[in-house]
Amino acid sequence: MKQAHPVRMRIIEIRKKCPHGHRVGDEWLVDGSTPGGICMGSFGSCLPYLTALRFGASFPWESREGTITIGCPDHINQVVWRLDRIEGDVVSAGDDQDHSGVE
């Protein structure tokens, strides 16, 4: 089975006020299950990058390998996320462990 890395989702900036109550510093660990409490817009924006990072991708426009900064689709109250692949903590791609809500 293909091995995957967990990815930390962390809010690093909020432009104005998040209508879903997210705050700077909130974070979740994604390891194969959908984390609870993240608004659908933010999670939808992050999902393709989460998947890519879990399986080893890096993005040439980022200064550090295994990370990406993404904004949610709300252009007025935008939540800015930093996604970081956690190296060394390799899990099976089908692992159903729940690590949501890491704060």
Protein backbone atom coordinates (compact mmCIF):
# COMPACT_ATOMS: atom_id res chain seq x y z
CA MET A 1 0.00 0.00 0.00
CA LYS A 2 1.23 3.51 -0.82
CA GLN A 3 2.61 5.35 2.20
CA ALA A 4 1.34 8.83 3.08
CA HIS A 5 2.48 11.57 5.42
CA PRO A 6 0.15 13.49 7.73
CA VAL A 7 -0.31 17.18 6.94
CA ARG A 8 -0.85 19.96 9.47
CA MET A 9 -3.40 22.62 8.48
CA ARG A 10 -2.80 25.86 10.39
CA ILE A 11 -4.54 29.23 10.09
CA ILE A 12 -1.85 31.90 9.79
CA GLU A 13 -3.95 34.96 8.93
CA ILE A 14 -7.57 36.11 8.77
CA ARG A 15 -8.44 39.14 6.69
CA LYS A 16 -11.32 40.84 8.50
CA LYS A 17 -13.48 38.28 10.40
CA CYS A 18 -14.16 34.64 9.59
CA PRO A 19 -17.94 34.02 9.62
CA HIS A 20 -17.31 30.41 10.71
CA GLY A 21 -15.39 31.38 13.85
CA HIS A 22 -11.93 30.24 12.73
CA ARG A 23 -9.05 31.98 14.52
CA VAL A 24 -5.38 32.49 13.78
CA GLY A 25 -3.49 29.56 15.29
CA ASP A 26 -6.29 27.00 14.87
CA GLU A 27 -4.87 23.81 13.44
CA TRP A 28 -5.81 20.29 12.44
CA LEU A 29 -3.85 17.20 11.53
CA VAL A 30 -4.98 15.45 8.36
CA ASP A 31 -3.95 11.83 8.04
CA GLY A 32 -6.55 10.28 5.76
CA SER A 33 -9.81 11.28 7.44
CA THR A 34 -11.73 14.51 7.03
CA PRO A 35 -10.99 16.76 10.01
CA GLY A 36 -14.00 18.12 11.90
CA GLY A 37 -14.86 21.78 12.28
CA ILE A 38 -13.31 23.25 9.12
CA CYS A 39 -15.74 25.20 6.92
CA MET A 40 -16.51 23.63 3.54
CA GLY A 41 -15.02 26.52 1.53
CA SER A 42 -11.66 26.31 3.24
CA PHE A 43 -11.51 22.55 3.16
CA GLY A 44 -12.48 22.48 -0.52
CA SER A 45 -9.70 24.95 -1.34
CA CYS A 46 -7.12 22.95 0.60
CA LEU A 47 -8.09 19.40 -0.41
CA PRO A 48 -6.13 19.08 -3.68
CA TYR A 49 -2.99 20.41 -1.98
CA LEU A 50 -3.51 18.24 1.12
CA THR A 51 -3.66 15.15 -1.06
CA ALA A 52 -0.57 16.14 -3.05
CA LEU A 53 1.44 16.94 0.09
CA ARG A 54 0.45 13.66 1.77
CA PHE A 55 2.06 11.75 -1.09
CA GLY A 56 5.30 13.74 -1.34
CA ALA A 57 4.58 16.75 -3.55
CA SER A 58 6.28 20.10 -3.21
CA PHE A 59 5.45 23.33 -5.00
CA PRO A 60 8.18 25.28 -6.84
CA TRP A 61 6.80 28.70 -5.85
CA GLU A 62 7.14 27.96 -2.13
CA SER A 63 10.43 28.66 -0.35
CA ARG A 64 10.24 25.41 1.64
CA GLU A 65 9.59 21.88 0.42
CA GLY A 66 6.47 20.16 1.71
CA THR A 67 4.52 23.32 2.46
CA ILE A 68 2.00 25.61 0.78
CA THR A 69 0.03 28.73 1.72
CA ILE A 70 -3.58 28.89 0.52
CA GLY A 71 -6.48 31.30 0.97
CA CYS A 72 -10.09 30.27 1.33
CA PRO A 73 -12.49 31.43 -1.41
CA ASP A 74 -14.06 34.22 0.68
CA HIS A 75 -12.28 37.24 -0.80
CA ILE A 76 -13.60 39.64 1.86
CA ASN A 77 -13.14 37.56 5.05
CA GLN A 78 -10.35 35.38 3.74
CA VAL A 79 -8.79 32.74 5.97
CA VAL A 80 -5.18 32.00 5.01
CA TRP A 81 -3.94 28.47 5.62
CA ARG A 82 -0.46 27.03 5.79
CA LEU A 83 -0.25 23.33 5.02
CA ASP A 84 2.88 21.48 6.15
CA ARG A 85 3.74 17.87 5.42
CA ILE A 86 4.98 16.20 8.59
CA GLU A 87 8.06 14.22 7.66
CA GLY A 88 8.88 11.06 9.54
CA ASP A 89 5.30 10.25 10.61
CA VAL A 90 4.39 7.99 7.72
CA VAL A 91 0.99 6.30 7.89
CA SER A 92 -0.83 3.90 5.59
CA ALA A 93 -2.88 5.70 2.93
CA GLY A 94 -6.08 4.01 4.14
CA ASP A 95 -5.50 4.73 7.84
CA ASP A 96 -8.78 5.73 9.50
CA GLN A 97 -7.33 7.11 12.72
CA ASP A 98 -9.04 10.32 13.81
CA HIS A 99 -6.62 13.14 14.62
CA SER A 100 -8.95 16.04 13.91
CA GLY A 101 -9.22 19.05 16.13
CA VAL A 102 -5.55 19.28 17.10
CA GLU A 103 -5.37 22.74 18.61
